[in-house]
N, C-alpha and C. Protein backbone atom coordinates (compact mmCIF):
# COMPACT_ATOMS: atom_id res chain seq x y z
N MET A 1 0.76 -1.33 -0.01
CA MET A 1 -0.14 -0.20 0.17
C MET A 1 0.79 1.24 -0.11
N ASP A 2 2.14 1.02 0.30
CA ASP A 2 2.94 2.21 0.53
C ASP A 2 3.09 3.14 -0.99
N ASN A 3 3.32 2.14 -1.99
CA ASN A 3 3.35 2.45 -3.33
C ASN A 3 2.19 3.29 -3.74
N ALA A 4 1.11 2.70 -3.46
CA ALA A 4 -0.29 3.15 -3.91
C ALA A 4 -0.33 4.66 -3.17
N PHE A 5 -0.08 4.73 -1.99
CA PHE A 5 0.01 6.05 -1.32
C PHE A 5 1.06 7.15 -2.03
N ASP A 6 2.30 6.48 -2.34
CA ASP A 6 2.99 7.51 -3.00
C ASP A 6 2.17 7.93 -4.44
N HIS A 7 1.59 7.07 -4.97
CA HIS A 7 0.72 7.54 -6.45
C HIS A 7 -0.16 8.40 -5.98
N LEU A 8 -0.91 8.24 -4.89
CA LEU A 8 -2.10 8.98 -4.58
C LEU A 8 -1.68 10.29 -4.39
N VAL A 9 -0.57 10.37 -3.54
CA VAL A 9 0.14 11.89 -3.22
C VAL A 9 0.23 12.51 -4.58
N ALA A 10 0.93 11.79 -5.30
CA ALA A 10 1.44 12.56 -6.92
C ALA A 10 0.21 12.73 -7.49
N VAL A 11 -0.88 12.28 -7.49
CA VAL A 11 -2.20 12.54 -8.16
C VAL A 11 -2.84 13.92 -7.25
N CYS A 12 -2.66 13.98 -6.24
CA CYS A 12 -3.26 15.03 -5.37
C CYS A 12 -2.39 16.52 -5.85
N GLU A 13 -1.06 15.98 -6.10
CA GLU A 13 -0.29 17.23 -6.38
C GLU A 13 -0.46 17.49 -7.69
N ARG A 14 -0.64 16.69 -8.59
CA ARG A 14 -0.92 17.02 -10.19
C ARG A 14 -2.30 17.67 -10.04
N MET A 15 -3.16 17.41 -9.44
CA MET A 15 -4.44 18.28 -9.11
C MET A 15 -4.45 19.45 -8.90
N ARG A 16 -3.34 19.65 -8.00
CA ARG A 16 -3.15 21.08 -7.36
C ARG A 16 -2.53 21.90 -8.46
N GLN A 17 -1.51 21.22 -9.28
CA GLN A 17 -0.85 22.13 -10.18
C GLN A 17 -1.87 22.28 -11.20
N LEU A 18 -2.75 21.61 -11.59
CA LEU A 18 -3.90 21.93 -12.49
C LEU A 18 -4.79 22.96 -12.12
N THR A 19 -5.30 22.65 -11.01
CA THR A 19 -6.17 23.92 -10.63
C THR A 19 -5.43 25.21 -10.41
N ALA A 20 -4.30 25.32 -10.05
CA ALA A 20 -3.27 26.44 -10.24
C ALA A 20 -3.38 27.04 -11.38
N ALA A 21 -3.11 26.23 -12.55
CA ALA A 21 -3.06 26.61 -13.86
C ALA A 21 -4.14 27.06 -14.39
N LEU A 22 -5.49 26.59 -13.86
CA LEU A 22 -6.69 27.18 -14.54
C LEU A 22 -7.08 28.48 -13.62
N GLU A 23 -6.84 28.74 -12.69
CA GLU A 23 -6.81 29.74 -11.70
C GLU A 23 -5.93 30.99 -12.34
N THR A 24 -4.67 30.65 -12.84
CA THR A 24 -3.87 31.58 -13.33
C THR A 24 -4.46 32.13 -14.94
N LEU A 25 -4.84 30.91 -15.44
CA LEU A 25 -5.67 31.34 -16.82
C LEU A 25 -6.92 32.22 -16.77
N ARG A 26 -7.82 31.84 -15.56
CA ARG A 26 -8.74 32.72 -15.36
C ARG A 26 -8.37 34.09 -15.01
N ASN A 27 -7.61 34.26 -14.30
CA ASN A 27 -7.05 35.73 -13.91
C ASN A 27 -6.48 36.31 -14.99
N LEU A 28 -5.88 35.67 -16.07
CA LEU A 28 -5.19 36.32 -17.19
C LEU A 28 -6.51 36.64 -18.19
N LEU A 29 -7.27 35.81 -18.40
CA LEU A 29 -8.68 36.08 -19.10
C LEU A 29 -9.35 37.24 -18.38
N MET A 30 -9.40 37.35 -17.10
CA MET A 30 -10.22 38.47 -16.48
C MET A 30 -9.54 39.74 -16.66
N ALA A 31 -8.20 39.68 -16.49
CA ALA A 31 -7.43 40.98 -16.71
C ALA A 31 -7.43 41.34 -18.19
N ASP A 32 -7.58 40.56 -19.14
CA ASP A 32 -7.85 41.03 -20.33
C ASP A 32 -8.98 41.65 -20.79
N VAL A 33 -10.18 41.19 -19.93
CA VAL A 33 -11.57 41.61 -20.45
C VAL A 33 -11.59 43.13 -19.51
N THR A 34 -11.20 43.05 -18.40
CA THR A 34 -11.34 44.34 -17.70
C THR A 34 -10.36 45.51 -18.11
N ALA A 35 -9.25 45.05 -18.67
CA ALA A 35 -8.15 46.17 -19.20
C ALA A 35 -8.83 46.93 -20.19
N THR A 36 -8.17 48.36 -20.19
CA THR A 36 -8.46 49.27 -21.24
C THR A 36 -7.41 50.13 -21.69
N GLY A 37 -7.50 50.53 -22.77
CA GLY A 37 -6.33 51.41 -23.23
C GLY A 37 -5.02 51.18 -23.15
N ASP A 38 -4.12 51.90 -22.18
CA ASP A 38 -2.78 51.86 -22.13
C ASP A 38 -2.39 50.46 -21.45
N ALA A 39 -3.32 50.22 -20.45
CA ALA A 39 -3.33 49.03 -19.62
C ALA A 39 -3.38 47.72 -20.42
N ARG A 40 -4.25 47.76 -21.44
CA ARG A 40 -4.36 46.66 -22.42
C ARG A 40 -3.15 46.68 -23.30
N THR A 41 -2.55 47.78 -23.61
CA THR A 41 -1.16 47.72 -24.66
C THR A 41 -0.06 47.19 -23.46
N ALA A 42 0.02 47.51 -22.31
CA ALA A 42 1.17 47.11 -21.41
C ALA A 42 1.03 45.68 -21.11
N MET A 43 -0.08 45.11 -21.24
CA MET A 43 -0.29 43.64 -20.88
C MET A 43 0.17 42.76 -22.00
N GLY A 44 0.28 43.25 -23.35
CA GLY A 44 0.74 42.60 -24.39
C GLY A 44 -0.28 41.52 -24.81
N ASP A 45 0.12 40.44 -25.51
CA ASP A 45 -0.59 39.31 -26.26
C ASP A 45 -1.10 38.24 -25.36
N THR A 46 -2.06 38.85 -24.45
CA THR A 46 -2.66 37.86 -23.43
C THR A 46 -3.24 36.60 -24.11
N HIS A 47 -3.58 36.73 -25.17
CA HIS A 47 -4.31 35.69 -25.76
C HIS A 47 -3.26 34.39 -26.14
N GLU A 48 -2.22 34.90 -26.69
CA GLU A 48 -1.11 33.66 -26.86
C GLU A 48 -0.78 33.11 -25.48
N THR A 49 -0.70 33.78 -24.38
CA THR A 49 -0.20 33.37 -23.25
C THR A 49 -1.52 32.49 -22.73
N ALA A 50 -2.54 32.87 -22.63
CA ALA A 50 -3.70 32.13 -22.20
C ALA A 50 -3.56 30.81 -23.28
N ARG A 51 -3.45 30.84 -24.31
CA ARG A 51 -3.43 29.57 -25.30
C ARG A 51 -2.33 28.63 -24.77
N GLY A 52 -1.17 29.26 -24.55
CA GLY A 52 -0.07 28.39 -23.97
C GLY A 52 -0.39 27.47 -22.63
N LEU A 53 -0.87 28.54 -21.67
CA LEU A 53 -1.38 28.10 -20.45
C LEU A 53 -2.53 26.91 -20.57
N PHE A 54 -3.42 27.35 -21.61
CA PHE A 54 -4.44 26.25 -21.64
C PHE A 54 -3.92 24.88 -22.26
N ILE A 55 -2.96 24.93 -23.02
CA ILE A 55 -2.36 23.62 -23.64
C ILE A 55 -1.71 22.89 -22.40
N HIS A 56 -0.90 23.78 -21.53
CA HIS A 56 -0.22 23.30 -20.60
C HIS A 56 -1.39 22.72 -19.35
N ALA A 57 -2.28 23.26 -19.33
CA ALA A 57 -3.46 22.69 -18.43
C ALA A 57 -4.13 21.41 -18.97
N MET A 58 -4.30 21.35 -20.36
CA MET A 58 -4.75 20.21 -20.96
C MET A 58 -3.84 18.97 -20.92
N GLY A 59 -2.40 19.02 -20.92
CA GLY A 59 -1.44 18.25 -20.46
C GLY A 59 -1.60 17.76 -19.08
N LEU A 60 -1.73 18.52 -18.42
CA LEU A 60 -1.81 18.42 -16.78
C LEU A 60 -2.87 17.51 -16.49
N ARG A 61 -4.08 17.84 -17.29
CA ARG A 61 -5.28 17.07 -17.07
C ARG A 61 -5.36 15.65 -17.63
N GLN A 62 -4.61 15.59 -18.75
CA GLN A 62 -4.38 13.98 -19.16
C GLN A 62 -3.59 13.46 -18.21
N ARG A 63 -2.27 14.03 -17.85
CA ARG A 63 -1.54 13.06 -16.83
C ARG A 63 -2.01 12.86 -15.31
N ALA A 64 -2.86 13.57 -14.95
CA ALA A 64 -3.82 13.47 -14.01
C ALA A 64 -4.73 12.34 -13.94
N GLY A 65 -5.31 12.38 -15.22
CA GLY A 65 -6.15 11.30 -15.38
C GLY A 65 -5.38 9.82 -15.37
N GLY A 66 -4.36 9.95 -16.15
CA GLY A 66 -3.60 8.63 -16.25
C GLY A 66 -2.70 8.30 -14.87
N ASP A 67 -2.46 9.29 -14.15
CA ASP A 67 -2.02 8.82 -12.60
C ASP A 67 -3.29 8.49 -11.79
N LEU A 68 -4.42 8.83 -11.98
CA LEU A 68 -5.37 8.61 -10.97
C LEU A 68 -5.77 7.11 -11.51
N GLU A 69 -5.77 6.85 -12.65
CA GLU A 69 -6.09 5.28 -13.14
C GLU A 69 -5.01 4.24 -12.55
N SER A 70 -3.96 4.54 -12.76
CA SER A 70 -2.80 3.83 -12.20
C SER A 70 -2.74 3.55 -10.93
N THR A 71 -3.24 4.65 -10.26
CA THR A 71 -3.30 4.69 -8.68
C THR A 71 -4.32 3.80 -8.38
N VAL A 72 -5.52 3.61 -8.70
CA VAL A 72 -6.70 2.89 -8.56
C VAL A 72 -6.34 1.48 -8.66
N ARG A 73 -5.66 1.43 -9.71
CA ARG A 73 -5.05 -0.34 -10.09
C ARG A 73 -4.16 -0.73 -9.00
N LEU A 74 -3.33 -0.03 -8.34
CA LEU A 74 -2.49 -0.36 -7.43
C LEU A 74 -3.26 -0.30 -6.08
N ILE A 75 -4.07 0.56 -5.89
CA ILE A 75 -4.88 0.33 -4.57
C ILE A 75 -5.87 -1.26 -4.55
N THR A 76 -6.58 -1.41 -5.91
CA THR A 76 -7.32 -2.64 -5.89
C THR A 76 -6.49 -3.75 -6.30
N ALA A 77 -5.37 -3.66 -6.31
CA ALA A 77 -4.27 -5.11 -6.49
C ALA A 77 -3.95 -5.67 -5.14
N ASP A 78 -4.05 -4.50 -4.08
CA ASP A 78 -3.77 -4.86 -2.67
C ASP A 78 -4.70 -5.79 -2.11
N THR A 79 -4.47 -6.85 -2.00
CA THR A 79 -5.79 -7.93 -1.38
C THR A 79 -5.57 -8.34 -0.18
N ASP A 80 -4.70 -7.54 0.80
CA ASP A 80 -4.48 -7.79 2.40
C ASP A 80 -5.76 -7.52 2.88
N PRO A 81 -6.31 -8.36 3.72
CA PRO A 81 -7.56 -7.93 4.36
C PRO A 81 -7.32 -7.08 5.49
N GLY A 82 -6.24 -6.99 5.82
CA GLY A 82 -5.96 -5.79 7.02
C GLY A 82 -6.01 -4.47 6.47
N HIS A 83 -6.03 -4.20 5.07
CA HIS A 83 -5.77 -2.92 4.56
C HIS A 83 -7.50 -2.89 3.91
N SER A 84 -8.41 -3.47 4.20
CA SER A 84 -9.70 -3.18 3.42
C SER A 84 -10.18 -1.70 3.73
N ALA A 85 -10.03 -1.26 5.04
CA ALA A 85 -10.58 0.02 5.44
C ALA A 85 -9.90 0.97 4.88
N GLN A 86 -8.63 0.82 4.74
CA GLN A 86 -7.66 1.93 4.10
C GLN A 86 -7.98 1.86 2.46
N ARG A 87 -8.01 0.80 2.13
CA ARG A 87 -8.29 0.64 0.71
C ARG A 87 -9.75 1.54 0.35
N GLN A 88 -10.78 1.06 0.79
CA GLN A 88 -11.96 1.75 0.84
C GLN A 88 -11.90 3.42 0.84
N GLU A 89 -11.16 3.81 1.91
CA GLU A 89 -11.18 5.11 2.10
C GLU A 89 -10.38 5.68 0.92
N TRP A 90 -9.10 5.15 0.36
CA TRP A 90 -8.57 5.73 -0.60
C TRP A 90 -9.45 5.76 -2.06
N LEU A 91 -9.93 4.56 -2.16
CA LEU A 91 -10.89 4.40 -3.45
C LEU A 91 -12.01 5.50 -3.31
N GLN A 92 -12.47 5.81 -2.20
CA GLN A 92 -13.54 7.02 -2.17
C GLN A 92 -12.91 8.21 -2.73
N LEU A 93 -11.43 8.56 -1.84
CA LEU A 93 -10.75 9.73 -2.33
C LEU A 93 -10.78 9.70 -4.12
N CYS A 94 -10.26 8.58 -4.45
CA CYS A 94 -10.06 8.56 -5.95
C CYS A 94 -11.40 8.85 -6.70
N ARG A 95 -12.55 8.29 -6.33
CA ARG A 95 -14.04 8.71 -6.82
C ARG A 95 -14.08 10.05 -7.00
N GLU A 96 -13.59 10.82 -5.75
CA GLU A 96 -13.87 12.32 -5.76
C GLU A 96 -13.08 13.09 -6.56
N LEU A 97 -11.72 12.55 -6.65
CA LEU A 97 -10.99 13.12 -7.44
C LEU A 97 -11.22 13.01 -9.10
N ALA A 98 -11.99 12.01 -9.36
CA ALA A 98 -12.46 11.64 -10.76
C ALA A 98 -13.67 12.62 -11.00
N THR A 99 -14.40 12.77 -9.98
CA THR A 99 -15.66 13.74 -10.12
C THR A 99 -15.09 15.04 -10.36
N THR A 100 -14.11 15.35 -9.72
CA THR A 100 -13.41 16.80 -9.92
C THR A 100 -12.88 16.81 -11.31
N LEU A 101 -12.20 15.81 -11.76
CA LEU A 101 -11.64 15.83 -13.09
C LEU A 101 -12.56 16.14 -14.16
N GLN A 102 -13.90 15.35 -13.92
CA GLN A 102 -14.87 15.61 -14.84
C GLN A 102 -15.49 17.20 -14.78
N GLY A 103 -15.47 17.51 -13.87
CA GLY A 103 -15.96 19.14 -13.75
C GLY A 103 -14.71 20.04 -14.34
N ILE A 104 -13.50 19.50 -14.26
CA ILE A 104 -12.62 20.33 -15.25
C ILE A 104 -12.56 20.14 -16.60
N ASP A 105 -13.21 19.00 -16.69
CA ASP A 105 -13.20 18.76 -18.34
C ASP A 105 -14.13 19.78 -18.77
N GLY A 106 -15.29 19.99 -18.05
CA GLY A 106 -16.24 21.05 -18.67
C GLY A 106 -15.79 22.34 -18.78
N VAL A 107 -14.95 22.79 -17.71
CA VAL A 107 -14.09 24.08 -17.82
C VAL A 107 -13.36 24.04 -18.67
N LEU A 108 -12.58 23.15 -19.16
CA LEU A 108 -11.52 23.14 -20.24
C LEU A 108 -12.24 23.27 -21.49
N ALA A 109 -13.33 22.58 -21.70
CA ALA A 109 -14.15 22.74 -23.05
C ALA A 109 -14.59 24.11 -23.11
N GLU A 110 -15.16 24.72 -22.10
CA GLU A 110 -15.61 26.30 -22.33
C GLU A 110 -14.60 27.21 -22.65
N LEU A 111 -13.34 26.70 -21.91
CA LEU A 111 -12.14 27.50 -22.24
C LEU A 111 -11.61 27.33 -23.63
N GLU A 112 -11.73 26.21 -24.07
CA GLU A 112 -11.43 25.94 -25.47
C GLU A 112 -12.20 26.93 -26.69
N THR A 113 -13.41 26.83 -26.16
CA THR A 113 -14.50 27.38 -27.07
C THR A 113 -14.00 29.00 -26.89
N HIS A 114 -13.88 29.49 -25.69
CA HIS A 114 -13.56 30.85 -25.68
C HIS A 114 -12.17 31.35 -26.68
N LEU A 115 -11.24 30.27 -26.20
CA LEU A 115 -9.96 30.72 -26.79
C LEU A 115 -10.02 30.60 -28.38
N ARG A 116 -10.94 29.78 -29.08
CA ARG A 116 -11.00 29.71 -30.40
C ARG A 116 -11.34 30.95 -31.08
N ARG A 117 -12.32 31.96 -30.39
CA ARG A 117 -12.81 33.14 -30.79
C ARG A 117 -11.79 34.13 -31.32
């Protein structure tokens, strides 16, 4: 279970990075929308920066999903009866992370539509 725990920690860290990237992207887009005149000129090409950050977020999303799948496989491969309660707790956490990833998929789809304009 130690290896599964290490993988679970890695998934949580990847999710943290992903949510931070999305927050940065949101802030960048909001700054672009609210900027006027000289402020907009000083900001430069925020759309290219946003596109690059979006691509980065998509990569993080894919890696987080793959990491989560491998973590679930590791957890379910442990059949030690003494780990049953821990296994159930970790699998519940994995379900919650999967639900969060589904929500992020929706956000990424909306961002993709916005960035195509």
